[in-house]
Protein backbone atom coordinates (compact mmCIF):
# COMPACT_ATOMS: atom_id res chain seq x y z
CA MET A 1 86.83 97.30 94.04
CA LYS A 2 86.47 93.59 94.75
CA LEU A 3 89.30 91.64 93.09
CA LEU A 4 89.72 87.88 92.90
CA PHE A 5 93.25 86.73 92.07
CA VAL A 6 93.99 83.13 91.12
CA HIS A 7 97.40 81.45 91.00
CA GLN A 8 98.27 77.94 92.15
CA ASN A 9 101.54 79.21 93.67
CA MET A 10 100.54 82.54 95.23
CA PRO A 11 101.56 85.26 94.52
CA GLY A 12 103.30 84.21 91.30
CA GLN A 13 103.45 87.02 88.78
CA TYR A 14 101.12 89.17 90.90
CA ARG A 15 103.49 89.82 93.82
CA GLU A 16 104.00 93.54 93.26
CA PHE A 17 100.53 94.26 91.87
CA VAL A 18 98.57 92.61 94.68
CA GLN A 19 100.72 94.25 97.33
CA TRP A 20 100.28 97.68 95.74
CA LEU A 21 96.50 97.23 95.61
CA ALA A 22 96.43 96.06 99.23
CA ASP A 23 98.56 98.98 100.38
CA THR A 24 95.99 101.46 99.04
CA ARG A 25 93.45 100.01 101.53
CA ASP A 26 90.73 100.78 98.99
CA HIS A 27 89.99 97.24 97.80
CA ASP A 28 88.55 93.92 98.91
CA ILE A 29 91.07 91.33 97.68
CA ILE A 30 90.84 87.54 97.82
CA PHE A 31 93.58 85.29 96.48
CA LEU A 32 92.72 81.69 95.52
CA THR A 33 95.71 79.34 95.54
CA GLN A 34 96.77 75.72 95.95
CA ARG A 35 99.86 76.76 97.91
CA ARG A 36 99.50 75.13 101.32
CA LYS A 37 101.17 77.91 103.28
CA PRO A 38 100.75 81.00 101.13
CA PRO A 39 102.68 84.12 102.12
CA LEU A 40 100.75 86.47 104.35
CA MET A 41 100.04 89.74 102.57
CA LYS A 42 98.50 92.48 104.67
CA GLY A 43 95.12 93.45 103.26
CA VAL A 44 94.76 90.23 101.25
CA ARG A 45 92.63 87.24 102.21
CA GLU A 46 94.28 83.99 101.16
CA LEU A 47 91.96 81.09 100.37
CA VAL A 48 93.59 77.70 99.80
CA TYR A 49 91.74 75.18 97.66
CA LYS A 50 92.54 71.64 96.56
CA ALA A 51 92.38 70.23 93.08
CA HIS A 52 89.22 68.17 92.74
CA HIS A 53 91.07 65.47 90.80
CA GLN A 54 94.59 64.56 89.70
CA ALA A 55 95.60 62.31 86.85
CA SER A 56 97.06 58.94 87.85
CA GLU A 57 100.50 57.75 86.83
CA ASP A 58 99.08 55.47 84.15
CA THR A 59 96.82 58.13 82.60
CA TYR A 60 97.21 58.34 78.83
CA GLY A 61 100.02 60.84 78.29
CA LEU A 62 98.27 63.03 75.74
CA VAL A 63 95.38 63.82 78.09
CA LYS A 64 97.26 64.05 81.40
CA THR A 65 97.82 67.83 81.18
CA TRP A 66 94.16 68.46 80.49
CA GLU A 67 92.99 66.00 83.15
CA ASN A 68 95.06 67.78 85.79
CA ALA A 69 93.91 71.18 84.53
CA ALA A 70 90.26 70.13 84.66
CA GLY A 71 90.74 68.89 88.23
CA SER A 72 92.36 72.15 89.29
CA GLY A 73 89.78 74.21 87.45
CA PHE A 74 86.86 72.43 89.07
CA GLY A 75 88.43 72.64 92.54
CA CYS A 76 89.00 76.36 92.04
CA ALA A 77 85.46 76.85 90.77
CA MET A 78 84.04 75.09 93.81
CA ALA A 79 86.01 77.44 96.07
CA ALA A 80 84.66 80.42 94.14
CA GLN A 81 81.15 78.98 94.39
CA GLY A 82 81.57 78.87 98.16
CA LEU A 83 82.46 82.57 98.16
CA ARG A 84 79.38 83.33 96.10
CA ASP A 85 76.82 81.12 97.84
CA LYS A 86 78.03 81.11 101.45
CA GLU A 87 79.38 84.63 101.70
CA GLY A 88 77.49 86.46 98.97
CA TRP A 89 80.85 87.66 97.61
CA THR A 90 81.06 88.52 93.92
CA PRO A 91 84.22 90.09 92.52
CA ASP A 92 84.24 93.01 90.12
CA ILE A 93 87.05 91.34 88.19
CA ILE A 94 88.99 88.07 88.19
CA ILE A 95 92.71 88.03 87.40
CA GLY A 96 94.71 84.83 87.18
CA HIS A 97 97.15 82.51 85.44
CA VAL A 98 95.52 80.16 82.93
CA GLY A 99 98.40 77.67 82.76
CA TRP A 100 97.10 75.17 85.30
CA GLY A 101 93.45 75.38 84.26
CA GLU A 102 92.28 77.29 87.32
CA LEU A 103 90.21 79.81 85.38
CA THR A 104 88.57 77.27 83.07
CA PHE A 105 85.21 77.09 84.88
CA MET A 106 85.07 80.55 86.46
CA LYS A 107 82.42 81.79 84.01
CA GLU A 108 80.14 79.02 85.28
CA ILE A 109 80.32 80.62 88.72
CA TYR A 110 80.54 84.29 87.77
CA PRO A 111 79.20 84.56 84.18
CA ASP A 112 79.08 88.36 84.17
CA VAL A 113 82.43 89.05 85.82
CA PRO A 114 85.27 89.98 83.45
CA ILE A 115 88.40 87.83 83.52
CA ILE A 116 91.97 88.75 82.66
CA GLY A 117 94.12 85.67 82.10
CA PHE A 118 97.90 85.46 82.19
CA PHE A 119 99.02 83.54 79.09
CA GLU A 120 102.64 82.59 79.70
CA TYR A 121 103.70 80.08 77.09
CA TYR A 122 102.55 78.21 73.99
CA TYR A 123 104.38 74.96 73.30
CA SER A 124 105.91 73.74 70.05
CA VAL A 125 109.00 71.89 68.86
CA THR A 126 110.35 74.99 67.12
CA GLY A 127 111.45 78.36 68.46
CA GLY A 128 111.59 77.36 72.14
CA PRO A 129 113.73 75.11 74.34
CA VAL A 130 112.35 71.88 72.87
CA GLY A 131 114.58 70.96 69.94
CA PHE A 132 116.99 73.84 70.60
CA ASP A 133 119.91 71.94 72.14
CA PRO A 134 121.33 68.97 70.16
CA GLU A 135 122.35 67.43 73.48
CA SER A 136 118.64 66.96 74.24
CA PRO A 137 117.22 65.26 71.14
CA VAL A 138 113.50 65.47 70.48
CA SER A 139 111.46 62.28 70.40
CA ASP A 140 109.13 61.45 67.54
CA HIS A 141 106.22 61.99 69.91
CA ALA A 142 107.30 65.49 70.99
CA PRO A 143 105.05 67.41 68.54
CA PHE A 144 102.00 65.58 69.85
CA ILE A 145 102.98 66.06 73.49
CA MET A 146 103.59 69.79 72.94
CA GLN A 147 100.22 70.25 71.28
CA ALA A 148 98.54 68.30 74.08
CA HIS A 149 100.01 70.83 76.54
CA ASN A 150 98.35 73.59 74.53
CA THR A 151 94.88 72.25 75.27
CA VAL A 152 94.70 74.46 78.35
CA PRO A 153 95.38 77.85 76.67
CA LEU A 154 93.29 76.81 73.66
CA VAL A 155 90.29 76.27 75.93
CA ASN A 156 90.96 79.29 78.11
CA ILE A 157 91.32 81.94 75.40
CA ASP A 158 87.56 81.62 75.01
CA ARG A 159 87.00 81.83 78.77
CA VAL A 160 88.74 85.15 79.37
CA ASP A 161 87.79 88.65 78.34
CA LEU A 162 91.39 89.76 78.02
CA ALA A 163 94.77 88.01 77.92
CA GLN A 164 98.06 89.36 79.26
CA CYS A 165 101.52 88.41 77.97
CA PRO A 166 104.65 89.78 79.63
CA THR A 167 106.79 90.03 76.46
CA GLU A 168 106.27 90.33 72.71
CA TRP A 169 108.17 87.08 72.18
CA GLN A 170 105.75 85.20 74.44
CA LYS A 171 102.76 86.76 72.69
CA ASN A 172 104.10 85.73 69.32
CA ARG A 173 104.38 82.13 70.48
CA PHE A 174 100.58 81.99 70.52
CA PRO A 175 98.44 81.58 67.40
CA THR A 176 97.55 84.85 65.69
CA ALA A 177 93.90 84.11 66.44
CA PHE A 178 94.73 84.86 70.11
CA HIS A 179 96.32 88.23 69.47
CA ASP A 180 93.20 90.40 69.29
CA LYS A 181 92.49 89.51 72.92
CA MET A 182 96.06 90.05 74.12
CA TYR A 183 97.95 92.97 75.55
CA VAL A 184 101.68 92.91 76.24
CA CYS A 185 102.88 94.24 79.58
CA HIS A 186 105.46 92.85 81.96
CA ASP A 187 104.64 92.13 85.62
CA GLY A 188 106.94 95.03 86.48
CA ILE A 189 110.30 95.55 88.18
CA ARG A 190 110.65 97.64 91.35
CA THR A 191 113.47 99.81 90.05
CA ASP A 192 112.87 102.15 92.99
CA THR A 193 114.17 99.49 95.39
CA LEU A 194 116.41 97.39 93.11
CA LEU A 195 119.30 99.85 92.98
CA PRO A 196 123.07 99.69 92.60
CA ASN A 197 124.99 99.94 95.86
CA PRO A 198 128.71 100.74 95.62
CA ASP A 199 129.10 100.27 99.39
CA VAL A 200 127.53 96.82 99.56
CA GLU A 201 129.20 94.11 101.66
CA LEU A 202 128.46 90.40 101.81
CA ARG A 203 129.84 87.74 104.12
CA LEU A 204 130.33 84.11 103.12
CA GLY A 205 131.32 81.35 105.51
CA ARG A 206 134.41 80.27 103.54
CA ILE A 207 135.90 83.78 103.41
CA ASP A 208 137.21 85.51 106.53
CA ARG A 209 136.31 89.03 105.41
CA PRO A 210 133.31 90.68 103.77
CA LEU A 211 133.19 90.78 99.98
CA THR A 212 132.84 94.21 98.40
CA ARG A 213 132.87 95.82 94.97
CA ALA A 214 136.66 95.74 95.18
CA ASP A 215 136.55 91.96 94.71
CA GLU A 216 136.38 90.40 91.27
CA ILE A 217 133.05 88.59 91.56
CA VAL A 218 131.27 86.76 88.75
CA THR A 219 127.65 85.70 89.35
CA TYR A 220 125.27 83.17 87.81
CA VAL A 221 121.67 82.96 89.05
CA ALA A 222 118.82 80.57 88.25
CA ARG A 223 115.96 79.04 90.21
CA ASN A 224 117.51 75.65 89.52
CA LEU A 225 120.77 74.62 87.87
CA GLU A 226 119.43 73.18 84.63
CA THR A 227 120.05 73.06 80.90
CA THR A 228 117.12 75.33 79.99
CA ARG A 229 118.95 78.11 81.87
CA GLY A 230 122.28 77.16 80.30
CA PHE A 231 123.96 75.80 83.41
CA HIS A 232 125.87 73.19 81.40
CA GLN A 233 127.33 75.88 79.14
CA PHE A 234 128.17 78.07 82.13
CA MET A 235 130.10 75.21 83.73
CA ARG A 236 132.01 74.59 80.50
CA ALA A 237 133.03 78.26 80.51
CA LEU A 238 134.37 78.11 84.09
CA PRO A 239 137.87 76.79 83.26
CA GLY A 240 138.48 79.65 80.83
CA ILE A 241 137.07 82.30 83.19
CA LEU A 242 139.13 81.17 86.18
CA ALA A 243 142.31 80.67 84.16
CA GLY A 244 141.96 84.09 82.54
CA ARG A 245 141.28 85.88 85.84
CA PRO A 246 143.28 84.28 88.67
CA ASN A 247 141.73 86.55 91.33
CA ALA A 248 138.11 86.03 90.28
CA ARG A 249 135.53 84.24 92.42
CA VAL A 250 132.35 82.78 90.96
CA MET A 251 129.08 82.81 92.90
CA VAL A 252 126.42 80.34 91.73
CA VAL A 253 122.82 80.65 92.94
CA GLY A 254 120.27 77.93 92.23
CA GLY A 255 118.79 74.70 93.49
CA ASN A 256 119.79 71.24 92.31
CA ASP A 257 116.34 70.34 90.98
CA THR A 258 114.69 70.86 87.58
CA SER A 259 112.01 73.45 86.86
CA TYR A 260 111.92 73.03 83.08
CA GLY A 261 112.81 70.19 80.74
CA GLY A 262 114.34 66.84 81.54
CA LYS A 263 116.48 65.85 84.50
CA SER A 264 120.09 64.72 84.37
CA GLU A 265 120.60 60.99 84.83
CA HIS A 266 123.64 61.67 87.04
CA PRO A 267 122.98 60.66 90.69
CA ASN A 268 124.02 64.16 91.81
CA GLY A 269 121.96 65.96 89.19
CA LEU A 270 123.22 68.27 86.48
CA ARG A 271 125.66 69.93 88.88
CA GLY A 272 127.29 66.59 89.61
CA GLN A 273 127.35 65.73 85.91
CA MET A 274 129.05 68.99 84.98
CA GLU A 275 131.49 68.90 87.89
CA ALA A 276 132.61 65.51 86.61
CA GLU A 277 132.91 66.85 83.05
CA VAL A 278 135.06 69.89 83.82
CA GLY A 279 136.87 68.08 86.65
CA ASP A 280 140.33 69.29 87.63
CA ARG A 281 140.31 72.06 85.02
CA VAL A 282 138.49 74.22 87.60
CA ASP A 283 139.91 75.75 90.78
CA TRP A 284 136.95 74.78 92.95
CA SER A 285 138.21 76.88 95.87
CA ARG A 286 137.09 79.94 93.88
CA VAL A 287 133.66 78.59 92.96
CA HIS A 288 130.88 79.01 95.53
CA PHE A 289 127.61 77.08 95.11
CA LEU A 290 125.18 78.96 97.34
CA GLY A 291 121.94 77.08 96.64
CA GLN A 292 118.73 79.09 96.78
CA VAL A 293 119.40 82.22 98.81
CA PRO A 294 117.13 84.78 100.52
CA TYR A 295 116.08 87.69 98.36
CA ASP A 296 118.20 90.26 100.21
CA ALA A 297 121.32 88.10 99.82
CA TYR A 298 120.58 87.69 96.11
CA GLN A 299 120.37 91.46 95.74
CA LYS A 300 123.72 91.93 97.46
CA LEU A 301 125.31 89.35 95.18
CA ILE A 302 124.15 91.22 92.10
CA GLN A 303 125.23 94.56 93.56
CA ILE A 304 128.72 93.15 94.26
CA SER A 305 129.03 91.39 90.90
CA ARG A 306 131.59 92.67 88.40
CA CYS A 307 130.09 90.49 85.69
CA HIS A 308 126.71 88.77 85.81
CA ILE A 309 126.09 85.82 83.52
CA TYR A 310 122.54 85.17 82.34
CA LEU A 311 122.01 82.15 80.12
CA THR A 312 118.81 80.70 78.80
CA MET A 313 117.46 78.78 75.86
CA PRO A 314 114.64 80.60 74.03
CA PHE A 315 112.15 80.57 76.87
CA VAL A 316 110.28 82.74 79.36
CA LEU A 317 112.51 85.63 80.44
CA SER A 318 113.66 85.37 84.06
CA TRP A 319 112.81 88.16 86.49
CA SER A 320 116.45 87.95 87.59
CA LEU A 321 117.69 89.34 84.28
CA LEU A 322 115.59 92.49 84.53
CA GLU A 323 116.26 92.82 88.25
CA SER A 324 120.00 92.58 87.59
CA MET A 325 119.72 95.24 84.92
CA SER A 326 117.86 97.44 87.40
CA MET A 327 120.75 97.02 89.84
CA GLN A 328 123.10 98.20 87.10
CA ALA A 329 124.88 94.88 86.59
CA THR A 330 127.30 94.38 83.71
CA ILE A 331 125.66 91.43 82.00
CA VAL A 332 126.89 88.77 79.58
CA ALA A 333 123.88 86.85 78.28
CA SER A 334 122.94 84.26 75.69
CA ASP A 335 122.02 85.63 72.28
CA VAL A 336 118.48 84.24 71.97
CA ALA A 337 115.15 85.83 71.07
CA PRO A 338 113.63 86.64 74.47
CA VAL A 339 116.92 88.05 75.79
CA ARG A 340 117.34 90.27 72.72
CA GLU A 341 114.02 91.87 73.63
CA ALA A 342 115.62 93.19 76.84
CA ILE A 343 119.32 93.51 75.95
CA THR A 344 120.89 95.29 72.99
CA HIS A 345 124.40 93.96 72.35
CA GLY A 346 127.06 96.47 73.24
CA GLU A 347 124.56 98.97 74.66
CA THR A 348 122.83 97.37 77.65
CA GLY A 349 124.79 94.12 77.85
CA MET A 350 126.90 91.69 75.86
CA LEU A 351 125.39 88.75 73.98
CA VAL A 352 127.17 85.49 73.19
CA ASP A 353 126.31 82.28 71.36
CA PHE A 354 124.55 79.91 73.76
CA PHE A 355 126.52 76.98 72.32
CA ASP A 356 129.99 78.55 72.58
CA PRO A 357 131.31 78.35 76.16
CA GLU A 358 134.76 79.45 74.98
CA ALA A 359 133.26 82.67 73.62
CA LEU A 360 131.34 83.11 76.88
CA ALA A 361 134.55 82.71 78.89
CA ALA A 362 136.46 85.10 76.64
CA GLN A 363 133.73 87.74 76.94
CA VAL A 364 133.56 87.47 80.73
CA VAL A 365 137.36 87.67 80.99
CA ASP A 366 137.40 90.78 78.80
CA VAL A 367 134.69 92.44 80.90
CA LEU A 368 136.75 91.79 84.02
CA ALA A 369 140.05 92.82 82.41
CA ARG A 370 138.81 96.06 80.84
CA PRO A 371 136.09 97.45 83.14
CA ASP A 372 136.33 100.96 81.67
CA ALA A 373 135.43 99.64 78.21
CA TYR A 374 132.19 98.19 79.58
CA ALA A 375 131.38 100.82 82.20
CA HIS A 376 128.47 102.16 80.14
CA LEU A 377 126.55 98.87 80.12
CA GLY A 378 125.25 98.89 83.69
CA PRO A 379 123.87 102.45 83.67
CA ASN A 380 122.36 101.90 80.23
CA ALA A 381 120.77 98.64 81.37
CA ARG A 382 119.19 100.33 84.35
CA ALA A 383 117.92 103.22 82.22
CA HIS A 384 116.31 100.75 79.81
CA VAL A 385 114.56 98.80 82.57
CA VAL A 386 113.31 102.00 84.21
CA LYS A 387 111.90 103.16 80.87
CA THR A 388 110.40 99.85 79.76
CA TYR A 389 109.72 97.59 82.74
CA ASP A 390 109.39 99.81 85.83
CA PHE A 391 106.48 98.64 87.95
CA LEU A 392 105.21 101.97 89.30
CA SER A 393 105.59 104.21 86.26
CA VAL A 394 105.12 101.81 83.32
CA CYS A 395 103.58 98.42 84.11
CA LEU A 396 101.17 99.30 86.92
CA PRO A 397 99.45 102.13 84.97
CA GLU A 398 99.05 99.86 81.93
CA HIS A 399 97.54 97.02 83.97
CA LEU A 400 95.15 99.46 85.63
CA ARG A 401 94.08 100.89 82.27
CA GLN A 402 93.29 97.38 81.02
CA ILE A 403 91.30 96.56 84.18
CA ASN A 404 89.41 99.82 84.13
CA ALA A 405 88.35 99.23 80.54
CA LEU A 406 86.47 96.10 81.68
CA VAL A 407 84.67 97.41 84.77
CA PRO A 408 82.02 100.11 85.30
CA ALA A 409 83.39 103.63 85.61
CA ASP A 410 82.39 103.88 89.28
CA LYS A 411 84.58 100.83 90.03
CA ALA A 412 87.69 102.10 88.22
CA ILE A 413 90.98 102.14 90.11
CA ALA A 414 92.72 105.49 90.20
CA LEU A 415 96.00 105.60 88.30
CA PRO A 416 99.04 106.43 90.44
CA ALA A 417 100.05 110.08 90.37
C-alpha cells in the first residue's frame, strides 16, 4: 500500500505505527513534515515542506490561528501536488494530524483518496486547563480566543473521511456532530519493550555510586516544567515529601520552557519562581533537575522509581503516564478526568486533589513508608495498559481495521498474527 503521513513535527503520534509499517517492507511510505531535520526511519521517505505563509505579529488575534493553518495547509498541499504531478505518486490513504491545518487542502490534490485525521483537542473555557486553576485567571476575551482556535478542526472535520481520537475524554471535548466520524484508539504503548527491571542501575554525576531499586527514588516527568502539568503543585509538595522521608531523592525531568499555557514572568521561568517560593524548606541536595533526558535514561529513571508522580490539569494525557504504568511504576497522580480514564484509585494508582500539595506529599510519603500496602499497584497498572493500550495487540489491529475499511480489499494491510 502507498501511505502518505502528515505531521508538522514528524513522527508525532505516528512513531510506532509508521515504524511497524516500514518494518514489514510491504509498503511505500512518504512522510510530509515541517521538521527541518526529521528523524531517519528506515523504509520511510521524509519530505520536508515549508508553510506557504505565516501570520505576522500584528495579525488580528482571532484569525491568527486560521491564517497560520491556511499557510501550512497550502504549503503541504503544494508538496503533495509535486508528488502527484512530478512523480506520478498517488497514495492509497492519507493519515495525519489536523491541528496545524496541514490536511485542509489535501482533497484538492487527491479528491478520491481517503483521509484519516488525528483530532487531538477542542478548546473551551470549561472542562480543560483554561479556567481550571484560580492562579491563572481567564480573561474576558478567552471564550472568543478558544473558539477561534477551533476554526481548524471545524473546517477539517468535513475534509476527512474518518477522525481518530486517542481517548474518550478527548473525543467528548468535540461537538457531538463530530462523533459519527470518530473512532477512539490510542497511539499505542510498546509494553513489550517498556518493562519493569528490578536490576536496573543509573549513574548521576552528583552521586558516586549507581542508583538502584534499593534507593528511595521519587520521580516527576514532563516535557517542560509548567503549570499545565502541575509543576507548581509538585514543588509545593517537595518540603513535605523530603521532610517525611529523609533518605528520599527526587528526580525531575523536563525542560524550562512552556509547551502549553502561559509562561511564568520570573526571569528563571516557573522553576525559578517555585524555587524562590519553597526556598529553604527544601533540602536541595536531594533534588536533581535533569532537564530533558534521552529516552533510555528516562526509562531507567521510571524503572528505579519507588513512587512516580504524574500531575496534569484536565488536558491531553501524556505518553509518559501510560509508559510508566507499563514499566510497573507505583503512581500518584492528579484526580482529573483524563487521568481517571487510565488510573482507578487504589487499583492501578493513587489519585490526589490537584490543588492539595499537602495531600500529594502525604500520599507519596505513605507510598514510600509502606511499600507492601501499595505493592499491587504497579503490576495492576501494567496489566491494565497491556489490556487497553498495548500497541501490537490492541491499538495496531484497531488502526489497521479502520484503514482497511476505507481502501479496496486488494490494498488491505494484513492484521498482525
